[in-house]
Every structure is written in structure tokens, then in C-alpha cells.
Amino acid sequence: MPNLKYQPVPYNHEEFLTKARAKEGFSEAYDALTLEYQLVDQLLKARTRAGLTQDAVAERMGTTKSAISRLESAGNAPSLATLKRYAQAVGCELHIELVPQKAG
């Protein structure tokens, strides 16, 4: 059986954004993916709280580590069924909310 102990990799998102926003076109492309990045952030936080590796989540979902890696990257729109299975695998409930836009 593989070692499924979670070992976090240090990462500073703000530092990454500061460097990346200096590149032409990055801000527009990044901002267009805001919702996807928020979803990825929630997935990673849930997996971290659960203390699970991608391998462990994949095993619980009956899929592969590469599928979990794709799921945890922006630009891939997972199905609602996949999000439900991921939430269950990391010990969470899935809640979806539509929030009225602010009048502007």
C-alpha cells in the first residue's frame, strides 16, 4: 500500500500573483478565471483539512491521481456529480449558492 500521509508543499500565492501580473495579458486571463480559481482554492483547502493526498482522494473516489490533479487545476469545469464525490471523499458537504449581483 502506498504512503498516503499528507505532506504539504510550501507555496505563496500572493508572491506568485505579484510576479505573474507583471506579464502582459496575465491579469485579464487570470481575472476571467476567478470563479474557477475560487473553486480550486476550496478543493485544496478541503483536502488539506482532511489531511489527504491526491492519491488518497483518488482511491476514495475510485479514480486516478491524475484525474484529481486535473480536478484541482483551474480551467477544468468538473461536473456536479464529480464535485459531490470529491466533497464526500474529503469529508465535506457540497453547497452551491447563487448570489444576487450588486446593483451598479
PDB file of N, CA and C in Angstrom:
ATOM      1  N   MET A   1       0.853  -1.187   0.000  1.00  0.00           N
ATOM      2  CA  MET A   1       0.000   0.000   0.000  1.00  0.00           C
ATOM      3  C   MET A   1       0.896   1.247   0.000  1.00  0.00           C
ATOM      4  N   PRO A   2       0.596   2.222  -0.856  1.00  0.00           N
ATOM      5  CA  PRO A   2       1.432   3.425  -0.933  1.00  0.00           C
ATOM      6  C   PRO A   2       1.302   4.281   0.327  1.00  0.00           C
ATOM      7  N   ASN A   3       2.329   5.091   0.566  1.00  0.00           N
ATOM      8  CA  ASN A   3       2.306   6.028   1.694  1.00  0.00           C
ATOM      9  C   ASN A   3       1.336   7.155   1.355  1.00  0.00           C
ATOM     10  N   LEU A   4       0.241   7.257   2.093  1.00  0.00           N
ATOM     11  CA  LEU A   4      -0.772   8.261   1.811  1.00  0.00           C
ATOM     12  C   LEU A   4      -0.753   9.411   2.815  1.00  0.00           C
ATOM     13  N   LYS A   5       0.349   9.541   3.556  1.00  0.00           N
ATOM     14  CA  LYS A   5       0.474  10.626   4.523  1.00  0.00           C
ATOM     15  C   LYS A   5       0.637  11.953   3.787  1.00  0.00           C
ATOM     16  N   TYR A   6      -0.155  12.914   4.168  1.00  0.00           N
ATOM     17  CA  TYR A   6      -0.140  14.235   3.534  1.00  0.00           C
ATOM     18  C   TYR A   6       1.101  15.009   3.932  1.00  0.00           C
ATOM     19  N   GLN A   7       1.810  15.542   2.930  1.00  0.00           N
ATOM     20  CA  GLN A   7       2.978  16.378   3.175  1.00  0.00           C
ATOM     21  C   GLN A   7       2.829  17.649   2.334  1.00  0.00           C
ATOM     22  N   PRO A   8       2.415  18.765   2.953  1.00  0.00           N
ATOM     23  CA  PRO A   8       2.169  19.986   2.179  1.00  0.00           C
ATOM     24  C   PRO A   8       3.440  20.547   1.546  1.00  0.00           C
ATOM     25  N   VAL A   9       3.249  21.165   0.391  1.00  0.00           N
ATOM     26  CA  VAL A   9       4.341  21.811  -0.320  1.00  0.00           C
ATOM     27  C   VAL A   9       4.188  23.311  -0.084  1.00  0.00           C
ATOM     28  N   PRO A  10       5.254  24.001   0.378  1.00  0.00           N
ATOM     29  CA  PRO A  10       5.128  25.438   0.630  1.00  0.00           C
ATOM     30  C   PRO A  10       4.829  26.201  -0.661  1.00  0.00           C
ATOM     31  N   TYR A  11       3.918  27.143  -0.569  1.00  0.00           N
ATOM     32  CA  TYR A  11       3.520  27.919  -1.742  1.00  0.00           C
ATOM     33  C   TYR A  11       2.976  29.256  -1.267  1.00  0.00           C
ATOM     34  N   ASN A  12       3.432  30.344  -1.906  1.00  0.00           N
ATOM     35  CA  ASN A  12       2.960  31.676  -1.558  1.00  0.00           C
ATOM     36  C   ASN A  12       2.230  32.235  -2.773  1.00  0.00           C
ATOM     37  N   HIS A  13       0.900  32.176  -2.737  1.00  0.00           N
ATOM     38  CA  HIS A  13       0.102  32.589  -3.884  1.00  0.00           C
ATOM     39  C   HIS A  13       0.240  34.084  -4.169  1.00  0.00           C
ATOM     40  N   GLU A  14       0.286  34.885  -3.140  1.00  0.00           N
ATOM     41  CA  GLU A  14       0.410  36.331  -3.344  1.00  0.00           C
ATOM     42  C   GLU A  14       1.729  36.675  -4.042  1.00  0.00           C
ATOM     43  N   GLU A  15       2.793  36.016  -3.660  1.00  0.00           N
ATOM     44  CA  GLU A  15       4.090  36.237  -4.308  1.00  0.00           C
ATOM     45  C   GLU A  15       4.024  35.824  -5.782  1.00  0.00           C
ATOM     46  N   PHE A  16       3.402  34.700  -6.041  1.00  0.00           N
ATOM     47  CA  PHE A  16       3.224  34.244  -7.416  1.00  0.00           C
ATOM     48  C   PHE A  16       2.448  35.271  -8.226  1.00  0.00           C
ATOM     49  N   LEU A  17       1.314  35.763  -7.676  1.00  0.00           N
ATOM     50  CA  LEU A  17       0.491  36.735  -8.403  1.00  0.00           C
ATOM     51  C   LEU A  17       1.237  38.023  -8.684  1.00  0.00           C
ATOM     52  N   THR A  18       1.998  38.490  -7.725  1.00  0.00           N
ATOM     53  CA  THR A  18       2.762  39.726  -7.923  1.00  0.00           C
ATOM     54  C   THR A  18       3.697  39.603  -9.115  1.00  0.00           C
ATOM     55  N   LYS A  19       4.422  38.504  -9.193  1.00  0.00           N
ATOM     56  CA  LYS A  19       5.340  38.279 -10.310  1.00  0.00           C
ATOM     57  C   LYS A  19       4.581  38.072 -11.619  1.00  0.00           C
ATOM     58  N   ALA A  20       3.522  37.286 -11.575  1.00  0.00           N
ATOM     59  CA  ALA A  20       2.797  36.943 -12.795  1.00  0.00           C
ATOM     60  C   ALA A  20       2.049  38.135 -13.379  1.00  0.00           C
ATOM     61  N   ARG A  21       1.498  39.005 -12.526  1.00  0.00           N
ATOM     62  CA  ARG A  21       0.730  40.157 -13.025  1.00  0.00           C
ATOM     63  C   ARG A  21       1.607  41.141 -13.800  1.00  0.00           C
ATOM     64  N   ALA A  22       2.909  41.044 -13.631  1.00  0.00           N
ATOM     65  CA  ALA A  22       3.821  41.912 -14.388  1.00  0.00           C
ATOM     66  C   ALA A  22       3.885  41.493 -15.864  1.00  0.00           C
ATOM     67  N   LYS A  23       3.437  40.284 -16.174  1.00  0.00           N
ATOM     68  CA  LYS A  23       3.473  39.785 -17.545  1.00  0.00           C
ATOM     69  C   LYS A  23       2.253  40.270 -18.316  1.00  0.00           C
ATOM     70  N   GLU A  24       2.470  40.672 -19.551  1.00  0.00           N
ATOM     71  CA  GLU A  24       1.404  41.200 -20.389  1.00  0.00           C
ATOM     72  C   GLU A  24       0.299  40.157 -20.596  1.00  0.00           C
ATOM     73  N   GLY A  25      -0.937  40.582 -20.378  1.00  0.00           N
ATOM     74  CA  GLY A  25      -2.093  39.733 -20.616  1.00  0.00           C
ATOM     75  C   GLY A  25      -2.456  38.815 -19.460  1.00  0.00           C
ATOM     76  N   PHE A  26      -1.562  38.679 -18.472  1.00  0.00           N
ATOM     77  CA  PHE A  26      -1.837  37.755 -17.380  1.00  0.00           C
ATOM     78  C   PHE A  26      -3.062  38.186 -16.581  1.00  0.00           C
ATOM     79  N   SER A  27      -3.129  39.451 -16.205  1.00  0.00           N
ATOM     80  CA  SER A  27      -4.226  39.918 -15.341  1.00  0.00           C
ATOM     81  C   SER A  27      -5.588  39.659 -15.969  1.00  0.00           C
ATOM     82  N   GLU A  28      -5.733  39.934 -17.258  1.00  0.00           N
ATOM     83  CA  GLU A  28      -7.011  39.729 -17.928  1.00  0.00           C
ATOM     84  C   GLU A  28      -7.387  38.241 -17.938  1.00  0.00           C
ATOM     85  N   ALA A  29      -6.414  37.396 -18.267  1.00  0.00           N
ATOM     86  CA  ALA A  29      -6.673  35.950 -18.314  1.00  0.00           C
ATOM     87  C   ALA A  29      -6.985  35.405 -16.920  1.00  0.00           C
ATOM     88  N   TYR A  30      -6.236  35.845 -15.932  1.00  0.00           N
ATOM     89  CA  TYR A  30      -6.446  35.384 -14.556  1.00  0.00           C
ATOM     90  C   TYR A  30      -7.809  35.823 -14.042  1.00  0.00           C
ATOM     91  N   ASP A  31      -8.154  37.073 -14.269  1.00  0.00           N
ATOM     92  CA  ASP A  31      -9.416  37.600 -13.786  1.00  0.00           C
ATOM     93  C   ASP A  31     -10.608  36.894 -14.436  1.00  0.00           C
ATOM     94  N   ALA A  32     -10.457  36.450 -15.678  1.00  0.00           N
ATOM     95  CA  ALA A  32     -11.521  35.725 -16.365  1.00  0.00           C
ATOM     96  C   ALA A  32     -11.766  34.358 -15.726  1.00  0.00           C
ATOM     97  N   LEU A  33     -10.786  33.846 -14.999  1.00  0.00           N
ATOM     98  CA  LEU A  33     -10.901  32.535 -14.358  1.00  0.00           C
ATOM     99  C   LEU A  33     -11.140  32.626 -12.845  1.00  0.00           C
ATOM    100  N   THR A  34     -11.583  33.772 -12.367  1.00  0.00           N
ATOM    101  CA  THR A  34     -11.747  33.997 -10.932  1.00  0.00           C
ATOM    102  C   THR A  34     -12.585  32.906 -10.265  1.00  0.00           C
ATOM    103  N   LEU A  35     -13.725  32.592 -10.838  1.00  0.00           N
ATOM    104  CA  LEU A  35     -14.608  31.598 -10.231  1.00  0.00           C
ATOM    105  C   LEU A  35     -13.931  30.225 -10.184  1.00  0.00           C
ATOM    106  N   GLU A  36     -13.244  29.861 -11.259  1.00  0.00           N
ATOM    107  CA  GLU A  36     -12.539  28.581 -11.279  1.00  0.00           C
ATOM    108  C   GLU A  36     -11.444  28.534 -10.219  1.00  0.00           C
ATOM    109  N   TYR A  37     -10.705  29.623 -10.057  1.00  0.00           N
ATOM    110  CA  TYR A  37      -9.653  29.675  -9.039  1.00  0.00           C
ATOM    111  C   TYR A  37     -10.242  29.591  -7.633  1.00  0.00           C
ATOM    112  N   GLN A  38     -11.397  30.190  -7.423  1.00  0.00           N
ATOM    113  CA  GLN A  38     -12.049  30.098  -6.117  1.00  0.00           C
ATOM    114  C   GLN A  38     -12.451  28.652  -5.823  1.00  0.00           C
ATOM    115  N   LEU A  39     -12.947  27.952  -6.844  1.00  0.00           N
ATOM    116  CA  LEU A  39     -13.305  26.548  -6.662  1.00  0.00           C
ATOM    117  C   LEU A  39     -12.076  25.712  -6.336  1.00  0.00           C
ATOM    118  N   VAL A  40     -11.004  25.907  -7.093  1.00  0.00           N
ATOM    119  CA  VAL A  40      -9.760  25.168  -6.849  1.00  0.00           C
ATOM    120  C   VAL A  40      -9.266  25.433  -5.427  1.00  0.00           C
ATOM    121  N   ASP A  41      -9.321  26.683  -4.994  1.00  0.00           N
ATOM    122  CA  ASP A  41      -8.895  27.037  -3.642  1.00  0.00           C
ATOM    123  C   ASP A  41      -9.713  26.269  -2.606  1.00  0.00           C
ATOM    124  N   GLN A  42     -11.022  26.179  -2.808  1.00  0.00           N
ATOM    125  CA  GLN A  42     -11.882  25.451  -1.877  1.00  0.00           C
ATOM    126  C   GLN A  42     -11.550  23.952  -1.876  1.00  0.00           C
ATOM    127  N   LEU A  43     -11.294  23.384  -3.048  1.00  0.00           N
ATOM    128  CA  LEU A  43     -10.942  21.966  -3.131  1.00  0.00           C
ATOM    129  C   LEU A  43      -9.647  21.689  -2.365  1.00  0.00           C
ATOM    130  N   LEU A  44      -8.643  22.513  -2.606  1.00  0.00           N
ATOM    131  CA  LEU A  44      -7.348  22.305  -1.949  1.00  0.00           C
ATOM    132  C   LEU A  44      -7.445  22.485  -0.438  1.00  0.00           C
ATOM    133  N   LYS A  45      -8.196  23.476  -0.001  1.00  0.00           N
ATOM    134  CA  LYS A  45      -8.365  23.699   1.436  1.00  0.00           C
ATOM    135  C   LYS A  45      -9.080  22.519   2.084  1.00  0.00           C
ATOM    136  N   ALA A  46     -10.102  21.988   1.412  1.00  0.00           N
ATOM    137  CA  ALA A  46     -10.848  20.851   1.968  1.00  0.00           C
ATOM    138  C   ALA A  46      -9.950  19.621   2.061  1.00  0.00           C
ATOM    139  N   ARG A  47      -9.156  19.376   1.031  1.00  0.00           N
ATOM    140  CA  ARG A  47      -8.259  18.218   1.052  1.00  0.00           C
ATOM    141  C   ARG A  47      -7.205  18.379   2.134  1.00  0.00           C
ATOM    142  N   THR A  48      -6.690  19.597   2.298  1.00  0.00           N
ATOM    143  CA  THR A  48      -5.688  19.872   3.325  1.00  0.00           C
ATOM    144  C   THR A  48      -6.276  19.653   4.721  1.00  0.00           C
ATOM    145  N   ARG A  49      -7.485  20.186   4.951  1.00  0.00           N
ATOM    146  CA  ARG A  49      -8.153  19.992   6.249  1.00  0.00           C
ATOM    147  C   ARG A  49      -8.342  18.510   6.555  1.00  0.00           C
ATOM    148  N   ALA A  50      -8.636  17.734   5.511  1.00  0.00           N
ATOM    149  CA  ALA A  50      -8.855  16.300   5.690  1.00  0.00           C
ATOM    150  C   ALA A  50      -7.535  15.547   5.850  1.00  0.00           C
ATOM    151  N   GLY A  51      -6.405  16.235   5.560  1.00  0.00           N
ATOM    152  CA  GLY A  51      -5.100  15.600   5.693  1.00  0.00           C
ATOM    153  C   GLY A  51      -4.870  14.500   4.669  1.00  0.00           C
ATOM    154  N   LEU A  52      -5.413  14.687   3.468  1.00  0.00           N
ATOM    155  CA  LEU A  52      -5.332  13.657   2.438  1.00  0.00           C
ATOM    156  C   LEU A  52      -4.421  14.063   1.283  1.00  0.00           C
ATOM    157  N   THR A  53      -3.817  13.072   0.667  1.00  0.00           N
ATOM    158  CA  THR A  53      -3.052  13.290  -0.564  1.00  0.00           C
ATOM    159  C   THR A  53      -4.004  13.142  -1.747  1.00  0.00           C
ATOM    160  N   GLN A  54      -3.530  13.536  -2.924  1.00  0.00           N
ATOM    161  CA  GLN A  54      -4.325  13.316  -4.123  1.00  0.00           C
ATOM    162  C   GLN A  54      -4.550  11.819  -4.334  1.00  0.00           C
ATOM    163  N   ASP A  55      -3.543  11.009  -4.026  1.00  0.00           N
ATOM    164  CA  ASP A  55      -3.695   9.552  -4.142  1.00  0.00           C
ATOM    165  C   ASP A  55      -4.834   9.043  -3.258  1.00  0.00           C
ATOM    166  N   ALA A  56      -4.892   9.530  -2.026  1.00  0.00           N
ATOM    167  CA  ALA A  56      -5.922   9.077  -1.085  1.00  0.00           C
ATOM    168  C   ALA A  56      -7.306   9.484  -1.560  1.00  0.00           C
ATOM    169  N   VAL A  57      -7.443  10.718  -2.046  1.00  0.00           N
ATOM    170  CA  VAL A  57      -8.741  11.177  -2.554  1.00  0.00           C
ATOM    171  C   VAL A  57      -9.134  10.347  -3.771  1.00  0.00           C
ATOM    172  N   ALA A  58      -8.180  10.104  -4.650  1.00  0.00           N
ATOM    173  CA  ALA A  58      -8.455   9.295  -5.837  1.00  0.00           C
ATOM    174  C   ALA A  58      -8.941   7.908  -5.448  1.00  0.00           C
ATOM    175  N   GLU A  59      -8.294   7.311  -4.467  1.00  0.00           N
ATOM    176  CA  GLU A  59      -8.692   5.980  -4.005  1.00  0.00           C
ATOM    177  C   GLU A  59     -10.116   6.002  -3.467  1.00  0.00           C
ATOM    178  N   ARG A  60     -10.440   7.012  -2.689  1.00  0.00           N
ATOM    179  CA  ARG A  60     -11.789   7.118  -2.114  1.00  0.00           C
ATOM    180  C   ARG A  60     -12.846   7.360  -3.187  1.00  0.00           C
ATOM    181  N   MET A  61     -12.450   8.037  -4.275  1.00  0.00           N
ATOM    182  CA  MET A  61     -13.396   8.343  -5.351  1.00  0.00           C
ATOM    183  C   MET A  61     -13.414   7.257  -6.421  1.00  0.00           C
ATOM    184  N   GLY A  62     -12.484   6.323  -6.347  1.00  0.00           N
ATOM    185  CA  GLY A  62     -12.418   5.284  -7.367  1.00  0.00           C
ATOM    186  C   GLY A  62     -11.904   5.804  -8.692  1.00  0.00           C
ATOM    187  N   THR A  63     -10.916   6.701  -8.620  1.00  0.00           N
ATOM    188  CA  THR A  63     -10.350   7.288  -9.833  1.00  0.00           C
ATOM    189  C   THR A  63      -8.831   7.316  -9.701  1.00  0.00           C
ATOM    190  N   THR A  64      -8.165   8.101 -10.522  1.00  0.00           N
ATOM    191  CA  THR A  64      -6.705   8.157 -10.520  1.00  0.00           C
ATOM    192  C   THR A  64      -6.205   9.475  -9.938  1.00  0.00           C
ATOM    193  N   LYS A  65      -4.940   9.464  -9.524  1.00  0.00           N
ATOM    194  CA  LYS A  65      -4.319  10.692  -9.016  1.00  0.00           C
ATOM    195  C   LYS A  65      -4.306  11.759 -10.105  1.00  0.00           C
ATOM    196  N   SER A  66      -4.057  11.370 -11.355  1.00  0.00           N
ATOM    197  CA  SER A  66      -4.025  12.363 -12.431  1.00  0.00           C
ATOM    198  C   SER A  66      -5.390  13.019 -12.625  1.00  0.00           C
ATOM    199  N   ALA A  67      -6.464  12.266 -12.410  1.00  0.00           N
ATOM    200  CA  ALA A  67      -7.807  12.851 -12.502  1.00  0.00           C
ATOM    201  C   ALA A  67      -8.020  13.881 -11.395  1.00  0.00           C
ATOM    202  N   ILE A  68      -7.521  13.584 -10.199  1.00  0.00           N
ATOM    203  CA  ILE A  68      -7.635  14.536  -9.083  1.00  0.00           C
ATOM    204  C   ILE A  68      -6.784  15.761  -9.367  1.00  0.00           C
ATOM    205  N   SER A  69      -5.615  15.564  -9.915  1.00  0.00           N
ATOM    206  CA  SER A  69      -4.742  16.686 -10.266  1.00  0.00           C
ATOM    207  C   SER A  69      -5.437  17.615 -11.264  1.00  0.00           C
ATOM    208  N   ARG A  70      -6.081  17.042 -12.265  1.00  0.00           N
ATOM    209  CA  ARG A  70      -6.815  17.861 -13.248  1.00  0.00           C
ATOM    210  C   ARG A  70      -7.977  18.581 -12.574  1.00  0.00           C
ATOM    211  N   LEU A  71      -8.675  17.883 -11.688  1.00  0.00           N
ATOM    212  CA  LEU A  71      -9.806  18.480 -10.979  1.00  0.00           C
ATOM    213  C   LEU A  71      -9.360  19.673 -10.142  1.00  0.00           C
ATOM    214  N   GLU A  72      -8.164  19.574  -9.558  1.00  0.00           N
ATOM    215  CA  GLU A  72      -7.653  20.630  -8.683  1.00  0.00           C
ATOM    216  C   GLU A  72      -6.878  21.706  -9.448  1.00  0.00           C
ATOM    217  N   SER A  73      -7.101  21.805 -10.743  1.00  0.00           N
ATOM    218  CA  SER A  73      -6.450  22.864 -11.520  1.00  0.00           C
ATOM    219  C   SER A  73      -7.522  23.709 -12.193  1.00  0.00           C
ATOM    220  N   ALA A  74      -7.273  25.003 -12.301  1.00  0.00           N
ATOM    221  CA  ALA A  74      -8.240  25.915 -12.913  1.00  0.00           C
ATOM    222  C   ALA A  74      -8.324  25.649 -14.406  1.00  0.00           C
ATOM    223  N   GLY A  75      -9.471  25.957 -14.978  1.00  0.00           N
ATOM    224  CA  GLY A  75      -9.659  25.799 -16.405  1.00  0.00           C
ATOM    225  C   GLY A  75     -10.366  24.506 -16.762  1.00  0.00           C
ATOM    226  N   ASN A  76     -10.583  23.648 -15.772  1.00  0.00           N
ATOM    227  CA  ASN A  76     -11.328  22.406 -15.991  1.00  0.00           C
ATOM    228  C   ASN A  76     -12.653  22.530 -15.262  1.00  0.00           C
ATOM    229  N   ALA A  77     -13.751  22.393 -15.991  1.00  0.00           N
ATOM    230  CA  ALA A  77     -15.070  22.523 -15.373  1.00  0.00           C
ATOM    231  C   ALA A  77     -15.578  21.143 -14.979  1.00  0.00           C
ATOM    232  N   PRO A  78     -15.473  20.789 -13.686  1.00  0.00           N
ATOM    233  CA  PRO A  78     -15.950  19.478 -13.253  1.00  0.00           C
ATOM    234  C   PRO A  78     -17.477  19.423 -13.235  1.00  0.00           C
ATOM    235  N   SER A  79     -18.000  18.221 -13.379  1.00  0.00           N
ATOM    236  CA  SER A  79     -19.453  18.045 -13.291  1.00  0.00           C
ATOM    237  C   SER A  79     -19.885  18.171 -11.833  1.00  0.00           C
ATOM    238  N   LEU A  80     -21.156  18.402 -11.640  1.00  0.00           N
ATOM    239  CA  LEU A  80     -21.715  18.474 -10.296  1.00  0.00           C
ATOM    240  C   LEU A  80     -21.542  17.129  -9.594  1.00  0.00           C
ATOM    241  N   ALA A  81     -21.717  16.035 -10.326  1.00  0.00           N
ATOM    242  CA  ALA A  81     -21.542  14.703  -9.743  1.00  0.00           C
ATOM    243  C   ALA A  81     -20.111  14.510  -9.240  1.00  0.00           C
ATOM    244  N   THR A  82     -19.138  14.987 -10.002  1.00  0.00           N
ATOM    245  CA  THR A  82     -17.736  14.869  -9.591  1.00  0.00           C
ATOM    246  C   THR A  82     -17.475  15.701  -8.343  1.00  0.00           C
ATOM    247  N   LEU A  83     -18.014  16.903  -8.299  1.00  0.00           N
ATOM    248  CA  LEU A  83     -17.834  17.751  -7.116  1.00  0.00           C
ATOM    249  C   LEU A  83     -18.458  17.113  -5.878  1.00  0.00           C
ATOM    250  N   LYS A  84     -19.613  16.470  -6.045  1.00  0.00           N
ATOM    251  CA  LYS A  84     -20.251  15.774  -4.918  1.00  0.00           C
ATOM    252  C   LYS A  84     -19.362  14.635  -4.422  1.00  0.00           C
ATOM    253  N   ARG A  85     -18.806  13.857  -5.343  1.00  0.00           N
ATOM    254  CA  ARG A  85     -17.946  12.735  -4.960  1.00  0.00           C
ATOM    255  C   ARG A  85     -16.683  13.238  -4.278  1.00  0.00           C
ATOM    256  N   TYR A  86     -16.106  14.335  -4.779  1.00  0.00           N
ATOM    257  CA  TYR A  86     -14.904  14.913  -4.167  1.00  0.00           C
ATOM    258  C   TYR A  86     -15.228  15.372  -2.749  1.00  0.00           C
ATOM    259  N   ALA A  87     -16.334  16.091  -2.602  1.00  0.00           N
ATOM    260  CA  ALA A  87     -16.736  16.586  -1.278  1.00  0.00           C
ATOM    261  C   ALA A  87     -16.882  15.423  -0.303  1.00  0.00           C
ATOM    262  N   GLN A  88     -17.526  14.366  -0.724  1.00  0.00           N
ATOM    263  CA  GLN A  88     -17.697  13.202   0.141  1.00  0.00           C
ATOM    264  C   GLN A  88     -16.344  12.584   0.487  1.00  0.00           C
ATOM    265  N   ALA A  89     -15.445  12.509  -0.487  1.00  0.00           N
ATOM    266  CA  ALA A  89     -14.124  11.896  -0.276  1.00  0.00           C
ATOM    267  C   ALA A  89     -13.295  12.648   0.750  1.00  0.00           C
ATOM    268  N   VAL A  90     -13.474  13.976   0.839  1.00  0.00           N
ATOM    269  CA  VAL A  90     -12.688  14.776   1.785  1.00  0.00           C
ATOM    270  C   VAL A  90     -13.494  15.136   3.037  1.00  0.00           C
ATOM    271  N   GLY A  91     -14.634  14.481   3.207  1.00  0.00           N
ATOM    272  CA  GLY A  91     -15.422  14.675   4.423  1.00  0.00           C
ATOM    273  C   GLY A  91     -16.174  15.986   4.487  1.00  0.00           C
ATOM    274  N   CYS A  92     -16.652  16.452   3.343  1.00  0.00           N
ATOM    275  CA  CYS A  92     -17.374  17.728   3.293  1.00  0.00           C
ATOM    276  C   CYS A  92     -18.744  17.545   2.659  1.00  0.00           C
ATOM    277  N   GLU A  93     -19.593  18.548   2.832  1.00  0.00           N
ATOM    278  CA  GLU A  93     -20.853  18.659   2.109  1.00  0.00           C
ATOM    279  C   GLU A  93     -20.646  19.696   1.021  1.00  0.00           C
ATOM    280  N   LEU A  94     -21.270  19.492  -0.116  1.00  0.00           N
ATOM    281  CA  LEU A  94     -21.180  20.455  -1.217  1.00  0.00           C
ATOM    282  C   LEU A  94     -22.369  21.397  -1.138  1.00  0.00           C
ATOM    283  N   HIS A  95     -22.109  22.691  -1.100  1.00  0.00           N
ATOM    284  CA  HIS A  95     -23.143  23.718  -1.110  1.00  0.00           C
ATOM    285  C   HIS A  95     -22.870  24.619  -2.311  1.00  0.00           C
ATOM    286  N   ILE A  96     -23.909  24.913  -3.056  1.00  0.00           N
ATOM    287  CA  ILE A  96     -23.802  25.827  -4.190  1.00  0.00           C
ATOM    288  C   ILE A  96     -24.766  26.968  -3.940  1.00  0.00           C
ATOM    289  N   GLU A  97     -24.295  28.167  -4.184  1.00  0.00           N
ATOM    290  CA  GLU A  97     -25.104  29.334  -3.856  1.00  0.00           C
ATOM    291  C   GLU A  97     -25.076  30.322  -5.011  1.00  0.00           C
ATOM    292  N   LEU A  98     -26.223  30.822  -5.376  1.00  0.00           N
ATOM    293  CA  LEU A  98     -26.321  31.902  -6.358  1.00  0.00           C
ATOM    294  C   LEU A  98     -26.554  33.186  -5.587  1.00  0.00           C
ATOM    295  N   VAL A  99     -25.672  34.137  -5.753  1.00  0.00           N
ATOM    296  CA  VAL A  99     -25.715  35.388  -5.009  1.00  0.00           C
ATOM    297  C   VAL A  99     -26.117  36.513  -5.954  1.00  0.00           C
ATOM    298  N   PRO A 100     -27.162  37.282  -5.599  1.00  0.00           N
ATOM    299  CA  PRO A 100     -27.570  38.379  -6.493  1.00  0.00           C
ATOM    300  C   PRO A 100     -26.419  39.361  -6.714  1.00  0.00           C
ATOM    301  N   GLN A 101     -26.318  39.849  -7.939  1.00  0.00           N
ATOM    302  CA  GLN A 101     -25.292  40.836  -8.262  1.00  0.00           C
ATOM    303  C   GLN A 101     -25.639  42.144  -7.604  1.00  0.00           C
ATOM    304  N   LYS A 102     -24.601  42.875  -7.257  1.00  0.00           N
ATOM    305  CA  LYS A 102     -24.810  44.189  -6.662  1.00  0.00           C
ATOM    306  C   LYS A 102     -25.266  45.153  -7.748  1.00  0.00           C
ATOM    307  N   ALA A 103     -26.252  45.977  -7.414  1.00  0.00           N
ATOM    308  CA  ALA A 103     -26.732  46.976  -8.367  1.00  0.00           C
ATOM    309  C   ALA A 103     -25.635  47.992  -8.595  1.00  0.00           C
ATOM    310  N   GLY A 104     -25.346  48.258  -9.820  1.00  0.00           N
ATOM    311  CA  GLY A 104     -24.239  49.157 -10.069  1.00  0.00           C
ATOM    312  C   GLY A 104     -24.605  50.158 -11.008  1.00  0.00           C
TER     313      GLY A 104
END
